[in-house]
Amino acid sequence: MRSQSACAHQLKILSDSTRLAVLELLWSGPKHVGEMNTILGLEQSLLSHHLKVLRDEGFIRATRDGKAVLYQLETAIFDNNAGRIIDLGCCRLIFA
């Protein structure tokens, strides 16, 4: 079980609507930055910033795909078999 301060920090990371939109996109499967950028309509630098935050906090992972980078949900936190749930260890967030 995570400490209350660690849990509060992760909840703060998730309180950003752009980060939630990124997670929403990735629920349907791995995506490249360009694909996400087209859908979200953000400046690439802003999207890259949010991807870095989500990656650093362990919500997503990035893997090389040739010259591009492929982003996907971190399976330790997101269990697609259980539905749209984020398990932070201290609490579980269920998305409708």
N, C-alpha and C. Protein backbone atom coordinates (compact mmCIF):
# COMPACT_ATOMS: atom_id res chain seq x y z
N MET A 1 0.84 -1.19 0.00
CA MET A 1 0.00 0.00 0.00
C MET A 1 0.88 1.24 0.00
N ARG A 2 0.54 2.19 -0.83
CA ARG A 2 1.31 3.42 -0.94
C ARG A 2 0.98 4.37 0.20
N SER A 3 1.93 5.26 0.48
CA SER A 3 1.68 6.27 1.51
C SER A 3 0.64 7.26 1.01
N GLN A 4 0.04 7.98 1.94
CA GLN A 4 -0.97 8.96 1.56
C GLN A 4 -0.39 10.06 0.69
N SER A 5 0.85 10.48 0.96
CA SER A 5 1.44 11.55 0.15
C SER A 5 1.74 11.07 -1.27
N ALA A 6 2.17 9.81 -1.42
CA ALA A 6 2.41 9.27 -2.76
C ALA A 6 1.11 9.15 -3.53
N CYS A 7 0.06 8.72 -2.85
CA CYS A 7 -1.24 8.59 -3.49
C CYS A 7 -1.76 9.97 -3.90
N ALA A 8 -1.64 10.94 -3.01
CA ALA A 8 -2.10 12.30 -3.32
C ALA A 8 -1.34 12.86 -4.52
N HIS A 9 -0.05 12.56 -4.61
CA HIS A 9 0.76 13.03 -5.74
C HIS A 9 0.25 12.42 -7.05
N GLN A 10 -0.02 11.13 -7.05
CA GLN A 10 -0.52 10.49 -8.28
C GLN A 10 -1.91 11.01 -8.66
N LEU A 11 -2.75 11.26 -7.67
CA LEU A 11 -4.07 11.82 -7.96
C LEU A 11 -3.93 13.23 -8.56
N LYS A 12 -2.94 13.97 -8.07
CA LYS A 12 -2.69 15.31 -8.63
C LYS A 12 -2.26 15.21 -10.09
N ILE A 13 -1.42 14.22 -10.42
CA ILE A 13 -1.00 14.01 -11.80
C ILE A 13 -2.22 13.73 -12.68
N LEU A 14 -3.16 12.95 -12.17
CA LEU A 14 -4.34 12.57 -12.93
C LEU A 14 -5.40 13.67 -12.98
N SER A 15 -5.23 14.73 -12.21
CA SER A 15 -6.24 15.78 -12.19
C SER A 15 -6.19 16.69 -13.41
N ASP A 16 -5.19 16.51 -14.27
CA ASP A 16 -5.07 17.32 -15.48
C ASP A 16 -5.91 16.71 -16.60
N SER A 17 -6.78 17.52 -17.22
CA SER A 17 -7.68 16.99 -18.24
C SER A 17 -6.94 16.50 -19.49
N THR A 18 -5.81 17.11 -19.83
CA THR A 18 -5.05 16.65 -20.98
C THR A 18 -4.46 15.27 -20.71
N ARG A 19 -3.95 15.06 -19.52
CA ARG A 19 -3.38 13.75 -19.18
C ARG A 19 -4.47 12.68 -19.19
N LEU A 20 -5.64 13.02 -18.69
CA LEU A 20 -6.74 12.06 -18.75
C LEU A 20 -7.14 11.76 -20.18
N ALA A 21 -7.10 12.77 -21.05
CA ALA A 21 -7.42 12.55 -22.46
C ALA A 21 -6.40 11.62 -23.11
N VAL A 22 -5.14 11.76 -22.75
CA VAL A 22 -4.09 10.87 -23.27
C VAL A 22 -4.36 9.44 -22.80
N LEU A 23 -4.65 9.27 -21.53
CA LEU A 23 -4.94 7.93 -21.02
C LEU A 23 -6.16 7.33 -21.70
N GLU A 24 -7.17 8.16 -21.92
CA GLU A 24 -8.38 7.72 -22.62
C GLU A 24 -8.04 7.18 -24.01
N LEU A 25 -7.19 7.91 -24.73
CA LEU A 25 -6.76 7.45 -26.07
C LEU A 25 -6.03 6.12 -26.00
N LEU A 26 -5.15 5.99 -25.03
CA LEU A 26 -4.32 4.80 -24.93
C LEU A 26 -5.09 3.58 -24.45
N TRP A 27 -6.28 3.78 -23.88
CA TRP A 27 -7.09 2.64 -23.47
C TRP A 27 -7.47 1.78 -24.67
N SER A 28 -7.57 2.40 -25.84
CA SER A 28 -7.94 1.64 -27.03
C SER A 28 -6.75 0.94 -27.69
N GLY A 29 -5.54 1.21 -27.18
CA GLY A 29 -4.36 0.55 -27.71
C GLY A 29 -3.19 1.52 -27.87
N PRO A 30 -2.00 0.98 -28.12
CA PRO A 30 -0.80 1.81 -28.25
C PRO A 30 -0.93 2.83 -29.39
N LYS A 31 -0.31 3.97 -29.19
CA LYS A 31 -0.36 5.04 -30.19
C LYS A 31 0.99 5.73 -30.29
N HIS A 32 1.26 6.27 -31.49
CA HIS A 32 2.43 7.12 -31.70
C HIS A 32 2.05 8.56 -31.38
N VAL A 33 3.05 9.40 -31.13
CA VAL A 33 2.81 10.79 -30.79
C VAL A 33 2.01 11.50 -31.88
N GLY A 34 2.38 11.29 -33.13
CA GLY A 34 1.68 11.96 -34.22
C GLY A 34 0.20 11.62 -34.26
N GLU A 35 -0.12 10.38 -34.02
CA GLU A 35 -1.51 9.93 -34.01
C GLU A 35 -2.28 10.60 -32.87
N MET A 36 -1.66 10.63 -31.67
CA MET A 36 -2.32 11.28 -30.53
C MET A 36 -2.47 12.77 -30.78
N ASN A 37 -1.44 13.37 -31.36
CA ASN A 37 -1.45 14.80 -31.63
C ASN A 37 -2.57 15.17 -32.60
N THR A 38 -2.78 14.35 -33.61
CA THR A 38 -3.86 14.59 -34.58
C THR A 38 -5.22 14.53 -33.91
N ILE A 39 -5.42 13.58 -33.04
CA ILE A 39 -6.70 13.42 -32.36
C ILE A 39 -6.94 14.51 -31.33
N LEU A 40 -5.90 14.82 -30.53
CA LEU A 40 -6.06 15.80 -29.44
C LEU A 40 -5.93 17.24 -29.90
N GLY A 41 -5.23 17.46 -31.01
CA GLY A 41 -5.06 18.81 -31.53
C GLY A 41 -4.22 19.71 -30.64
N LEU A 42 -3.19 19.15 -30.01
CA LEU A 42 -2.31 19.93 -29.14
C LEU A 42 -1.01 20.27 -29.85
N GLU A 43 -0.32 21.28 -29.35
CA GLU A 43 1.04 21.53 -29.83
C GLU A 43 1.88 20.33 -29.42
N GLN A 44 2.79 19.92 -30.29
CA GLN A 44 3.58 18.73 -30.00
C GLN A 44 4.40 18.88 -28.72
N SER A 45 4.92 20.08 -28.45
CA SER A 45 5.72 20.27 -27.23
C SER A 45 4.87 20.08 -25.98
N LEU A 46 3.61 20.52 -26.02
CA LEU A 46 2.71 20.36 -24.87
C LEU A 46 2.37 18.89 -24.68
N LEU A 47 2.08 18.20 -25.76
CA LEU A 47 1.78 16.77 -25.68
C LEU A 47 3.00 16.01 -25.15
N SER A 48 4.17 16.34 -25.65
CA SER A 48 5.40 15.68 -25.19
C SER A 48 5.62 15.89 -23.70
N HIS A 49 5.32 17.09 -23.22
CA HIS A 49 5.44 17.36 -21.78
C HIS A 49 4.53 16.44 -20.97
N HIS A 50 3.26 16.33 -21.38
CA HIS A 50 2.32 15.49 -20.65
C HIS A 50 2.70 14.01 -20.74
N LEU A 51 3.19 13.58 -21.89
CA LEU A 51 3.65 12.19 -22.03
C LEU A 51 4.82 11.91 -21.11
N LYS A 52 5.73 12.86 -20.98
CA LYS A 52 6.88 12.68 -20.08
C LYS A 52 6.42 12.56 -18.63
N VAL A 53 5.48 13.41 -18.23
CA VAL A 53 4.96 13.35 -16.85
C VAL A 53 4.32 11.99 -16.60
N LEU A 54 3.47 11.54 -17.51
CA LEU A 54 2.79 10.26 -17.35
C LEU A 54 3.78 9.09 -17.36
N ARG A 55 4.81 9.19 -18.18
CA ARG A 55 5.84 8.14 -18.23
C ARG A 55 6.66 8.13 -16.95
N ASP A 56 7.09 9.31 -16.50
CA ASP A 56 7.89 9.40 -15.27
C ASP A 56 7.14 8.89 -14.05
N GLU A 57 5.82 9.05 -14.06
CA GLU A 57 5.00 8.62 -12.92
C GLU A 57 4.54 7.17 -13.04
N GLY A 58 4.91 6.50 -14.13
CA GLY A 58 4.61 5.08 -14.29
C GLY A 58 3.22 4.76 -14.82
N PHE A 59 2.53 5.75 -15.38
CA PHE A 59 1.21 5.49 -15.94
C PHE A 59 1.29 4.92 -17.35
N ILE A 60 2.31 5.32 -18.09
CA ILE A 60 2.48 4.83 -19.46
C ILE A 60 3.93 4.40 -19.67
N ARG A 61 4.15 3.67 -20.75
CA ARG A 61 5.53 3.32 -21.11
C ARG A 61 5.74 3.61 -22.58
N ALA A 62 6.98 3.85 -22.92
CA ALA A 62 7.34 4.20 -24.29
C ALA A 62 8.33 3.16 -24.79
N THR A 63 8.12 2.72 -26.01
CA THR A 63 9.05 1.79 -26.65
C THR A 63 9.39 2.30 -28.04
N ARG A 64 10.62 2.06 -28.44
CA ARG A 64 11.07 2.45 -29.78
C ARG A 64 10.34 1.63 -30.82
N ASP A 65 9.90 2.28 -31.86
CA ASP A 65 9.24 1.63 -32.99
C ASP A 65 9.86 2.22 -34.25
N GLY A 66 11.04 1.73 -34.59
CA GLY A 66 11.80 2.33 -35.69
C GLY A 66 12.32 3.69 -35.25
N LYS A 67 11.98 4.72 -36.00
CA LYS A 67 12.38 6.08 -35.64
C LYS A 67 11.37 6.74 -34.71
N ALA A 68 10.21 6.13 -34.57
CA ALA A 68 9.14 6.70 -33.75
C ALA A 68 9.13 6.05 -32.36
N VAL A 69 8.31 6.61 -31.50
CA VAL A 69 8.11 6.07 -30.16
C VAL A 69 6.64 5.69 -30.02
N LEU A 70 6.40 4.49 -29.52
CA LEU A 70 5.06 3.98 -29.32
C LEU A 70 4.73 4.05 -27.83
N TYR A 71 3.61 4.67 -27.51
CA TYR A 71 3.18 4.81 -26.11
C TYR A 71 2.02 3.87 -25.84
N GLN A 72 2.03 3.30 -24.62
CA GLN A 72 0.93 2.44 -24.21
C GLN A 72 0.78 2.51 -22.71
N LEU A 73 -0.38 2.07 -22.23
CA LEU A 73 -0.65 2.08 -20.80
C LEU A 73 0.27 1.09 -20.10
N GLU A 74 0.67 1.43 -18.90
CA GLU A 74 1.50 0.53 -18.10
C GLU A 74 0.59 -0.54 -17.52
N THR A 75 0.84 -1.78 -17.87
CA THR A 75 -0.07 -2.87 -17.49
C THR A 75 -0.13 -3.11 -15.98
N ALA A 76 0.87 -2.67 -15.23
CA ALA A 76 0.83 -2.84 -13.78
C ALA A 76 -0.25 -1.97 -13.15
N ILE A 77 -0.63 -0.89 -13.80
CA ILE A 77 -1.63 0.04 -13.26
C ILE A 77 -2.98 -0.14 -13.93
N PHE A 78 -2.97 -0.48 -15.22
CA PHE A 78 -4.21 -0.60 -15.99
C PHE A 78 -4.43 -2.06 -16.36
N ASP A 79 -5.51 -2.62 -15.89
CA ASP A 79 -5.85 -4.00 -16.21
C ASP A 79 -7.07 -3.98 -17.13
N ASN A 80 -6.85 -4.13 -18.43
CA ASN A 80 -7.96 -4.08 -19.38
C ASN A 80 -8.97 -5.19 -19.15
N ASN A 81 -8.55 -6.28 -18.54
CA ASN A 81 -9.48 -7.38 -18.27
C ASN A 81 -10.48 -6.99 -17.18
N ALA A 82 -10.08 -6.06 -16.32
CA ALA A 82 -10.95 -5.64 -15.22
C ALA A 82 -11.83 -4.46 -15.61
N GLY A 83 -11.69 -3.96 -16.81
CA GLY A 83 -12.44 -2.79 -17.24
C GLY A 83 -11.56 -1.56 -17.21
N ARG A 84 -12.18 -0.42 -17.24
CA ARG A 84 -11.43 0.84 -17.28
C ARG A 84 -11.13 1.28 -15.85
N ILE A 85 -10.10 0.67 -15.28
CA ILE A 85 -9.74 0.91 -13.88
C ILE A 85 -8.26 1.28 -13.79
N ILE A 86 -7.99 2.30 -12.99
CA ILE A 86 -6.61 2.66 -12.67
C ILE A 86 -6.40 2.25 -11.22
N ASP A 87 -5.46 1.35 -11.00
CA ASP A 87 -5.15 0.87 -9.65
C ASP A 87 -3.89 1.56 -9.17
N LEU A 88 -4.03 2.52 -8.24
CA LEU A 88 -2.89 3.27 -7.71
C LEU A 88 -2.25 2.59 -6.50
N GLY A 89 -2.81 1.50 -6.07
CA GLY A 89 -2.29 0.83 -4.89
C GLY A 89 -2.97 1.32 -3.63
N CYS A 90 -3.24 2.61 -3.54
CA CYS A 90 -3.94 3.19 -2.40
C CYS A 90 -5.43 3.30 -2.66
N CYS A 91 -5.79 3.35 -3.94
CA CYS A 91 -7.18 3.44 -4.33
C CYS A 91 -7.31 3.00 -5.79
N ARG A 92 -8.53 2.74 -6.19
CA ARG A 92 -8.79 2.36 -7.59
C ARG A 92 -9.78 3.37 -8.17
N LEU A 93 -9.46 3.88 -9.34
CA LEU A 93 -10.35 4.80 -10.05
C LEU A 93 -11.04 4.04 -11.16
N ILE A 94 -12.35 4.09 -11.19
CA ILE A 94 -13.13 3.38 -12.18
C ILE A 94 -13.75 4.41 -13.13
N PHE A 95 -13.49 4.24 -14.44
CA PHE A 95 -14.02 5.16 -15.42
C PHE A 95 -15.20 4.52 -16.14
N ALA A 96 -16.26 5.29 -16.30
CA ALA A 96 -17.46 4.80 -16.97
C ALA A 96 -17.21 4.70 -18.46
